Amino acid sequence: MSVFHRPTRSVLLSACALACAAAAPARAADLTVELRDHHYVPDRIEVPAGQKFRLIVKNTDGFAEEFESHALDREKVIPAGGTITLNLGPLEAGEYPFVGEYHEDSATGVLVAK
């Protein structure tokens, strides 16, 4: 009789899940930006390069705005008084501009991945 046992399916699945979690990029803390008087506050946000993160955008204005970034390939309407969450990254080091499409002259910002 052999002393070696075949691993059960649940043991194999657990091992695979741990290996995948270890290989996935770490997620940075959630970052928040606010739309206030048609301006992003802060308008410059530093994020760690190579990590996933969530950008939470709160619109404190009384009007809807559209978060738009060609560099990040994102476009999403934020209702007046509403909040959106964007799952982003991992990003290569560099600058990623974004605007409020309805007020592009004042609602501007940039994510800087370092």
Foldseek 3Di string as FASTA:
>chain_A
DDPDDDDDPVVVVVVVVVVVVVPQAAADEEAEWEQDPQEIVVQEAEDAAAHKYKYKYFYQAQAKWWKDWPQQPDIGIAGHRGMDIDIGDNHHADKTKIAGVVCRVHHIHIYGHD
